[in-house]
PDB file of N, CA and C in Angstrom:
ATOM      1  N   MET A   1     111.375 113.602 106.300  1.00  0.00           N
ATOM      2  CA  MET A   1     110.386 112.591 106.622  1.00  0.00           C
ATOM      3  C   MET A   1     110.951 111.234 106.205  1.00  0.00           C
ATOM      4  N   THR A   2     110.801 110.245 107.083  1.00  0.00           N
ATOM      5  CA  THR A   2     111.326 108.920 106.781  1.00  0.00           C
ATOM      6  C   THR A   2     110.431 108.202 105.778  1.00  0.00           C
ATOM      7  N   ASP A   3     110.982 107.144 105.168  1.00  0.00           N
ATOM      8  CA  ASP A   3     110.194 106.344 104.222  1.00  0.00           C
ATOM      9  C   ASP A   3     108.984 105.722 104.915  1.00  0.00           C
ATOM     10  N   TYR A   4     109.177 105.285 106.175  1.00  0.00           N
ATOM     11  CA  TYR A   4     108.057 104.690 106.911  1.00  0.00           C
ATOM     12  C   TYR A   4     106.941 105.714 107.080  1.00  0.00           C
ATOM     13  N   MET A   5     107.301 106.932 107.432  1.00  0.00           N
ATOM     14  CA  MET A   5     106.280 107.970 107.626  1.00  0.00           C
ATOM     15  C   MET A   5     105.562 108.276 106.319  1.00  0.00           C
ATOM     16  N   LYS A   6     106.307 108.296 105.218  1.00  0.00           N
ATOM     17  CA  LYS A   6     105.677 108.536 103.918  1.00  0.00           C
ATOM     18  C   LYS A   6     104.704 107.412 103.582  1.00  0.00           C
ATOM     19  N   ALA A   7     105.136 106.180 103.811  1.00  0.00           N
ATOM     20  CA  ALA A   7     104.275 105.032 103.511  1.00  0.00           C
ATOM     21  C   ALA A   7     103.042 105.050 104.394  1.00  0.00           C
ATOM     22  N   ASN A   8     103.217 105.361 105.675  1.00  0.00           N
ATOM     23  CA  ASN A   8     102.091 105.390 106.598  1.00  0.00           C
ATOM     24  C   ASN A   8     101.107 106.494 106.210  1.00  0.00           C
ATOM     25  N   ARG A   9     101.615 107.658 105.841  1.00  0.00           N
ATOM     26  CA  ARG A   9     100.746 108.760 105.430  1.00  0.00           C
ATOM     27  C   ARG A   9     100.008 108.396 104.150  1.00  0.00           C
ATOM     28  N   SER A  10     100.679 107.714 103.233  1.00  0.00           N
ATOM     29  CA  SER A  10     100.062 107.287 101.989  1.00  0.00           C
ATOM     30  C   SER A  10      98.918 106.313 102.264  1.00  0.00           C
ATOM     31  N   THR A  11      99.122 105.381 103.197  1.00  0.00           N
ATOM     32  CA  THR A  11      98.086 104.421 103.549  1.00  0.00           C
ATOM     33  C   THR A  11      96.876 105.140 104.128  1.00  0.00           C
ATOM     34  N   GLU A  12      97.109 106.085 104.997  1.00  0.00           N
ATOM     35  CA  GLU A  12      95.991 106.833 105.579  1.00  0.00           C
ATOM     36  C   GLU A  12      95.201 107.542 104.486  1.00  0.00           C
ATOM     37  N   THR A  13      95.870 108.122 103.532  1.00  0.00           N
ATOM     38  CA  THR A  13      95.184 108.788 102.440  1.00  0.00           C
ATOM     39  C   THR A  13      94.339 107.790 101.667  1.00  0.00           C
ATOM     40  N   GLY A  14      94.870 106.608 101.420  1.00  0.00           N
ATOM     41  CA  GLY A  14      94.123 105.567 100.719  1.00  0.00           C
ATOM     42  C   GLY A  14      92.897 105.138 101.498  1.00  0.00           C
ATOM     43  N   ILE A  15      93.040 104.998 102.800  1.00  0.00           N
ATOM     44  CA  ILE A  15      91.903 104.621 103.639  1.00  0.00           C
ATOM     45  C   ILE A  15      90.838 105.707 103.591  1.00  0.00           C
ATOM     46  N   GLU A  16      91.263 106.948 103.627  1.00  0.00           N
ATOM     47  CA  GLU A  16      90.306 108.055 103.539  1.00  0.00           C
ATOM     48  C   GLU A  16      89.593 108.050 102.190  1.00  0.00           C
ATOM     49  N   GLN A  17      90.313 107.709 101.129  1.00  0.00           N
ATOM     50  CA  GLN A  17      89.695 107.636  99.803  1.00  0.00           C
ATOM     51  C   GLN A  17      88.688 106.493  99.738  1.00  0.00           C
ATOM     52  N   VAL A  18      89.008 105.367 100.353  1.00  0.00           N
ATOM     53  CA  VAL A  18      88.078 104.233 100.400  1.00  0.00           C
ATOM     54  C   VAL A  18      86.833 104.642 101.176  1.00  0.00           C
ATOM     55  N   ARG A  19      87.026 105.308 102.316  1.00  0.00           N
ATOM     56  CA  ARG A  19      85.887 105.763 103.118  1.00  0.00           C
ATOM     57  C   ARG A  19      84.972 106.659 102.281  1.00  0.00           C
ATOM     58  N   ALA A  20      85.554 107.620 101.591  1.00  0.00           N
ATOM     59  CA  ALA A  20      84.757 108.554 100.792  1.00  0.00           C
ATOM     60  C   ALA A  20      83.987 107.825  99.698  1.00  0.00           C
ATOM     61  N   ALA A  21      84.628 106.885  99.033  1.00  0.00           N
ATOM     62  CA  ALA A  21      83.964 106.133  97.963  1.00  0.00           C
ATOM     63  C   ALA A  21      82.793 105.322  98.522  1.00  0.00           C
ATOM     64  N   LEU A  22      83.003 104.665  99.650  1.00  0.00           N
ATOM     65  CA  LEU A  22      81.934 103.879 100.258  1.00  0.00           C
ATOM     66  C   LEU A  22      80.785 104.775 100.707  1.00  0.00           C
ATOM     67  N   GLU A  23      81.115 105.923 101.259  1.00  0.00           N
ATOM     68  CA  GLU A  23      80.076 106.851 101.705  1.00  0.00           C
ATOM     69  C   GLU A  23      79.271 107.413 100.536  1.00  0.00           C
ATOM     70  N   ARG A  24      79.867 107.431  99.342  1.00  0.00           N
ATOM     71  CA  ARG A  24      79.136 107.854  98.141  1.00  0.00           C
ATOM     72  C   ARG A  24      78.254 106.734  97.590  1.00  0.00           C
ATOM     73  N   GLY A  25      78.305 105.563  98.225  1.00  0.00           N
ATOM     74  CA  GLY A  25      77.481 104.439  97.785  1.00  0.00           C
ATOM     75  C   GLY A  25      78.155 103.555  96.760  1.00  0.00           C
ATOM     76  N   GLU A  26      79.454 103.729  96.555  1.00  0.00           N
ATOM     77  CA  GLU A  26      80.179 102.906  95.585  1.00  0.00           C
ATOM     78  C   GLU A  26      80.472 101.529  96.171  1.00  0.00           C
ATOM     79  N   ARG A  27      80.631 100.574  95.271  1.00  0.00           N
ATOM     80  CA  ARG A  27      81.060  99.222  95.625  1.00  0.00           C
ATOM     81  C   ARG A  27      82.498  99.076  95.133  1.00  0.00           C
ATOM     82  N   LEU A  28      83.365  98.513  95.975  1.00  0.00           N
ATOM     83  CA  LEU A  28      84.784  98.418  95.645  1.00  0.00           C
ATOM     84  C   LEU A  28      85.290  96.986  95.711  1.00  0.00           C
ATOM     85  N   THR A  29      86.112  96.627  94.732  1.00  0.00           N
ATOM     86  CA  THR A  29      86.838  95.358  94.741  1.00  0.00           C
ATOM     87  C   THR A  29      88.315  95.681  94.970  1.00  0.00           C
ATOM     88  N   PRO A  30      89.122  94.672  95.284  1.00  0.00           N
ATOM     89  CA  PRO A  30      90.553  94.926  95.454  1.00  0.00           C
ATOM     90  C   PRO A  30      91.195  95.564  94.208  1.00  0.00           C
ATOM     91  N   LEU A  31      90.771  95.168  93.015  1.00  0.00           N
ATOM     92  CA  LEU A  31      91.338  95.758  91.803  1.00  0.00           C
ATOM     93  C   LEU A  31      90.956  97.240  91.679  1.00  0.00           C
ATOM     94  N   ASP A  32      89.723  97.581  92.074  1.00  0.00           N
ATOM     95  CA  ASP A  32      89.316  98.993  92.092  1.00  0.00           C
ATOM     96  C   ASP A  32      90.236  99.795  93.002  1.00  0.00           C
ATOM     97  N   ALA A  33      90.488  99.259  94.197  1.00  0.00           N
ATOM     98  CA  ALA A  33      91.311  99.973  95.176  1.00  0.00           C
ATOM     99  C   ALA A  33      92.740 100.143  94.676  1.00  0.00           C
ATOM    100  N   LEU A  34      93.266  99.136  94.006  1.00  0.00           N
ATOM    101  CA  LEU A  34      94.620  99.239  93.462  1.00  0.00           C
ATOM    102  C   LEU A  34      94.675 100.278  92.354  1.00  0.00           C
ATOM    103  N   ASN A  35      93.744 100.200  91.413  1.00  0.00           N
ATOM    104  CA  ASN A  35      93.757 101.118  90.272  1.00  0.00           C
ATOM    105  C   ASN A  35      93.444 102.556  90.666  1.00  0.00           C
ATOM    106  N   ARG A  36      92.503 102.747  91.555  1.00  0.00           N
ATOM    107  CA  ARG A  36      92.052 104.100  91.884  1.00  0.00           C
ATOM    108  C   ARG A  36      92.845 104.762  92.998  1.00  0.00           C
ATOM    109  N   PHE A  37      93.224 103.978  94.020  1.00  0.00           N
ATOM    110  CA  PHE A  37      93.833 104.572  95.201  1.00  0.00           C
ATOM    111  C   PHE A  37      95.258 104.100  95.468  1.00  0.00           C
ATOM    112  N   GLY A  38      95.752 103.151  94.678  1.00  0.00           N
ATOM    113  CA  GLY A  38      97.098 102.631  94.887  1.00  0.00           C
ATOM    114  C   GLY A  38      97.209 101.728  96.108  1.00  0.00           C
ATOM    115  N   LEU A  39      96.094 101.180  96.558  1.00  0.00           N
ATOM    116  CA  LEU A  39      96.099 100.297  97.732  1.00  0.00           C
ATOM    117  C   LEU A  39      96.269  98.855  97.295  1.00  0.00           C
ATOM    118  N   TRP A  40      97.269  98.184  97.842  1.00  0.00           N
ATOM    119  CA  TRP A  40      97.488  96.779  97.532  1.00  0.00           C
ATOM    120  C   TRP A  40      96.564  95.885  98.335  1.00  0.00           C
ATOM    121  N   SER A  41      96.105  96.355  99.502  1.00  0.00           N
ATOM    122  CA  SER A  41      95.247  95.516 100.343  1.00  0.00           C
ATOM    123  C   SER A  41      93.995  96.291 100.757  1.00  0.00           C
ATOM    124  N   LEU A  42      92.944  96.139  99.979  1.00  0.00           N
ATOM    125  CA  LEU A  42      91.668  96.750 100.327  1.00  0.00           C
ATOM    126  C   LEU A  42      91.155  96.152 101.634  1.00  0.00           C
ATOM    127  N   ALA A  43      91.386  94.873 101.859  1.00  0.00           N
ATOM    128  CA  ALA A  43      90.924  94.223 103.086  1.00  0.00           C
ATOM    129  C   ALA A  43      91.491  94.906 104.330  1.00  0.00           C
ATOM    130  N   SER A  44      92.734  95.355 104.275  1.00  0.00           N
ATOM    131  CA  SER A  44      93.335  96.062 105.411  1.00  0.00           C
ATOM    132  C   SER A  44      92.643  97.401 105.652  1.00  0.00           C
ATOM    133  N   ALA A  45      92.337  98.100 104.578  1.00  0.00           N
ATOM    134  CA  ALA A  45      91.641  99.381 104.708  1.00  0.00           C
ATOM    135  C   ALA A  45      90.242  99.154 105.275  1.00  0.00           C
ATOM    136  N   ILE A  46      89.558  98.123 104.805  1.00  0.00           N
ATOM    137  CA  ILE A  46      88.213  97.804 105.299  1.00  0.00           C
ATOM    138  C   ILE A  46      88.284  97.465 106.783  1.00  0.00           C
ATOM    139  N   HIS A  47      89.290  96.697 107.168  1.00  0.00           N
ATOM    140  CA  HIS A  47      89.464  96.340 108.585  1.00  0.00           C
ATOM    141  C   HIS A  47      89.634  97.599 109.435  1.00  0.00           C
ATOM    142  N   ALA A  48      90.466  98.521 108.978  1.00  0.00           N
ATOM    143  CA  ALA A  48      90.693  99.770 109.720  1.00  0.00           C
ATOM    144  C   ALA A  48      89.404 100.583 109.828  1.00  0.00           C
ATOM    145  N   LEU A  49      88.648 100.651 108.750  1.00  0.00           N
ATOM    146  CA  LEU A  49      87.399 101.415 108.762  1.00  0.00           C
ATOM    147  C   LEU A  49      86.359 100.759 109.669  1.00  0.00           C
ATOM    148  N   ARG A  50      86.312  99.447 109.670  1.00  0.00           N
ATOM    149  CA  ARG A  50      85.385  98.748 110.571  1.00  0.00           C
ATOM    150  C   ARG A  50      85.756  98.992 112.023  1.00  0.00           C
ATOM    151  N   LYS A  51      87.067  99.026 112.322  1.00  0.00           N
ATOM    152  CA  LYS A  51      87.514  99.321 113.687  1.00  0.00           C
ATOM    153  C   LYS A  51      87.108 100.734 114.102  1.00  0.00           C
ATOM    154  N   GLN A  52      86.957 101.631 113.122  1.00  0.00           N
ATOM    155  CA  GLN A  52      86.515 102.997 113.406  1.00  0.00           C
ATOM    156  C   GLN A  52      84.990 103.088 113.519  1.00  0.00           C
ATOM    157  N   GLY A  53      84.297 101.958 113.319  1.00  0.00           N
ATOM    158  CA  GLY A  53      82.859 101.928 113.509  1.00  0.00           C
ATOM    159  C   GLY A  53      82.017 101.937 112.250  1.00  0.00           C
ATOM    160  N   MET A  54      82.636 101.902 111.080  1.00  0.00           N
ATOM    161  CA  MET A  54      81.855 101.865 109.841  1.00  0.00           C
ATOM    162  C   MET A  54      81.237 100.489 109.641  1.00  0.00           C
ATOM    163  N   ALA A  55      79.969 100.476 109.239  1.00  0.00           N
ATOM    164  CA  ALA A  55      79.282  99.223 108.932  1.00  0.00           C
ATOM    165  C   ALA A  55      79.482  98.932 107.449  1.00  0.00           C
ATOM    166  N   ILE A  56      80.332  97.959 107.152  1.00  0.00           N
ATOM    167  CA  ILE A  56      80.689  97.629 105.771  1.00  0.00           C
ATOM    168  C   ILE A  56      80.363  96.171 105.512  1.00  0.00           C
ATOM    169  N   ASP A  57      79.640  95.924 104.430  1.00  0.00           N
ATOM    170  CA  ASP A  57      79.309  94.564 104.020  1.00  0.00           C
ATOM    171  C   ASP A  57      80.286  94.092 102.949  1.00  0.00           C
ATOM    172  N   ALA A  58      80.455  92.778 102.879  1.00  0.00           N
ATOM    173  CA  ALA A  58      81.276  92.166 101.838  1.00  0.00           C
ATOM    174  C   ALA A  58      80.445  91.097 101.144  1.00  0.00           C
ATOM    175  N   GLU A  59      80.623  91.019  99.846  1.00  0.00           N
ATOM    176  CA  GLU A  59      79.931  90.010  99.039  1.00  0.00           C
ATOM    177  C   GLU A  59      80.962  89.415  98.090  1.00  0.00           C
ATOM    178  N   LEU A  60      80.944  88.101  97.928  1.00  0.00           N
ATOM    179  CA  LEU A  60      81.836  87.468  96.958  1.00  0.00           C
ATOM    180  C   LEU A  60      81.182  87.522  95.589  1.00  0.00           C
ATOM    181  N   ILE A  61      81.947  88.014  94.613  1.00  0.00           N
ATOM    182  CA  ILE A  61      81.450  88.094  93.240  1.00  0.00           C
ATOM    183  C   ILE A  61      82.427  87.382  92.316  1.00  0.00           C
ATOM    184  N   ASP A  62      81.936  86.949  91.163  1.00  0.00           N
ATOM    185  CA  ASP A  62      82.790  86.334  90.153  1.00  0.00           C
ATOM    186  C   ASP A  62      83.257  87.404  89.182  1.00  0.00           C
ATOM    187  N   VAL A  63      84.553  87.397  88.885  1.00  0.00           N
ATOM    188  CA  VAL A  63      85.127  88.322  87.904  1.00  0.00           C
ATOM    189  C   VAL A  63      85.931  87.525  86.895  1.00  0.00           C
ATOM    190  N   GLY A  64      86.067  88.072  85.703  1.00  0.00           N
ATOM    191  CA  GLY A  64      86.872  87.428  84.677  1.00  0.00           C
ATOM    192  C   GLY A  64      88.353  87.626  84.944  1.00  0.00           C
ATOM    193  N   THR A  65      89.132  86.633  84.547  1.00  0.00           N
ATOM    194  CA  THR A  65      90.583  86.738  84.667  1.00  0.00           C
ATOM    195  C   THR A  65      91.183  86.992  83.296  1.00  0.00           C
ATOM    196  N   ARG A  66      92.446  87.356  83.271  1.00  0.00           N
ATOM    197  CA  ARG A  66      93.081  87.684  81.990  1.00  0.00           C
ATOM    198  C   ARG A  66      93.258  86.473  81.076  1.00  0.00           C
ATOM    199  N   ASN A  67      93.202  85.264  81.642  1.00  0.00           N
ATOM    200  CA  ASN A  67      93.337  84.071  80.796  1.00  0.00           C
ATOM    201  C   ASN A  67      91.982  83.470  80.420  1.00  0.00           C
ATOM    202  N   GLY A  68      90.904  84.222  80.630  1.00  0.00           N
ATOM    203  CA  GLY A  68      89.582  83.770  80.226  1.00  0.00           C
ATOM    204  C   GLY A  68      88.822  82.988  81.278  1.00  0.00           C
ATOM    205  N   GLY A  69      89.429  82.763  82.419  1.00  0.00           N
ATOM    206  CA  GLY A  69      88.757  82.042  83.491  1.00  0.00           C
ATOM    207  C   GLY A  69      87.950  82.997  84.361  1.00  0.00           C
ATOM    208  N   SER A  70      87.630  82.551  85.549  1.00  0.00           N
ATOM    209  CA  SER A  70      86.939  83.416  86.497  1.00  0.00           C
ATOM    210  C   SER A  70      87.519  83.207  87.886  1.00  0.00           C
ATOM    211  N   ALA A  71      87.334  84.212  88.718  1.00  0.00           N
ATOM    212  CA  ALA A  71      87.804  84.162  90.098  1.00  0.00           C
ATOM    213  C   ALA A  71      86.759  84.835  90.974  1.00  0.00           C
ATOM    214  N   ARG A  72      86.727  84.438  92.231  1.00  0.00           N
ATOM    215  CA  ARG A  72      85.818  85.074  93.195  1.00  0.00           C
ATOM    216  C   ARG A  72      86.618  86.065  94.010  1.00  0.00           C
ATOM    217  N   VAL A  73      86.094  87.277  94.110  1.00  0.00           N
ATOM    218  CA  VAL A  73      86.738  88.318  94.904  1.00  0.00           C
ATOM    219  C   VAL A  73      85.689  88.988  95.781  1.00  0.00           C
ATOM    220  N   ALA A  74      86.151  89.637  96.833  1.00  0.00           N
ATOM    221  CA  ALA A  74      85.245  90.370  97.710  1.00  0.00           C
ATOM    222  C   ALA A  74      84.925  91.726  97.087  1.00  0.00           C
ATOM    223  N   GLN A  75      83.673  92.115  97.219  1.00  0.00           N
ATOM    224  CA  GLN A  75      83.233  93.450  96.816  1.00  0.00           C
ATOM    225  C   GLN A  75      82.611  94.078  98.064  1.00  0.00           C
ATOM    226  N   TYR A  76      83.099  95.258  98.432  1.00  0.00           N
ATOM    227  CA  TYR A  76      82.678  95.906  99.665  1.00  0.00           C
ATOM    228  C   TYR A  76      81.758  97.080  99.381  1.00  0.00           C
ATOM    229  N   CYS A  77      80.805  97.298 100.288  1.00  0.00           N
ATOM    230  CA  CYS A  77      79.930  98.464 100.231  1.00  0.00           C
ATOM    231  C   CYS A  77      79.463  98.781 101.648  1.00  0.00           C
ATOM    232  N   MET A  78      78.908  99.969 101.819  1.00  0.00           N
ATOM    233  CA  MET A  78      78.336 100.331 103.115  1.00  0.00           C
ATOM    234  C   MET A  78      77.133  99.432 103.365  1.00  0.00           C
ATOM    235  N   ALA A  79      76.901  99.074 104.606  1.00  0.00           N
ATOM    236  CA  ALA A  79      75.788  98.191 104.953  1.00  0.00           C
ATOM    237  C   ALA A  79      74.461  98.790 104.512  1.00  0.00           C
ATOM    238  N   SER A  80      74.319 100.108 104.571  1.00  0.00           N
ATOM    239  CA  SER A  80      73.067 100.750 104.188  1.00  0.00           C
ATOM    240  C   SER A  80      72.804 100.617 102.692  1.00  0.00           C
ATOM    241  N   VAL A  81      73.843 100.488 101.869  1.00  0.00           N
ATOM    242  CA  VAL A  81      73.680 100.296 100.429  1.00  0.00           C
ATOM    243  C   VAL A  81      73.031  98.959 100.167  1.00  0.00           C
ATOM    244  N   ASN A  82      73.484  97.908 100.842  1.00  0.00           N
ATOM    245  CA  ASN A  82      72.880  96.589 100.672  1.00  0.00           C
ATOM    246  C   ASN A  82      71.436  96.588 101.149  1.00  0.00           C
ATOM    247  N   ALA A  83      71.129  97.291 102.224  1.00  0.00           N
ATOM    248  CA  ALA A  83      69.754  97.351 102.732  1.00  0.00           C
ATOM    249  C   ALA A  83      68.844  98.033 101.722  1.00  0.00           C
ATOM    250  N   ARG A  84      69.350  99.066 101.037  1.00  0.00           N
ATOM    251  CA  ARG A  84      68.565  99.776 100.023  1.00  0.00           C
ATOM    252  C   ARG A  84      68.279  98.879  98.832  1.00  0.00           C
ATOM    253  N   ASP A  85      69.247  98.034  98.465  1.00  0.00           N
ATOM    254  CA  ASP A  85      69.113  97.181  97.284  1.00  0.00           C
ATOM    255  C   ASP A  85      68.162  96.009  97.517  1.00  0.00           C
ATOM    256  N   ALA A  86      67.965  95.635  98.775  1.00  0.00           N
ATOM    257  CA  ALA A  86      67.160  94.447  99.098  1.00  0.00           C
ATOM    258  C   ALA A  86      65.680  94.667  98.811  1.00  0.00           C
TER     259      ALA A  86
END
C-alpha cells in the first residue's frame, strides 16, 4: 500500500470518528479532533460530512491559550443538538 493510500485511509477513519462523535451529541473543536482522532483539519472533515448531507452547526467560542490569552475557535455539533439546547 502506498503512503498516499495509507494517508487517505487514515483520513477516512478520522472522518468516520468525527461523524460518530457528532451523532452521539458531542461538540468538537479543532483541538479535540487533533487529540482524539489525529485530525489536523477538523474543518475539512466537517466539509466532507456536510457534502454527505449531515446538518452540522458551527459556533465560535473563546478558549484559553497557553500564554494566558484567549482565542476564538469553531465548535461543531449536529444541528439537532443546537435545536435541543435552544
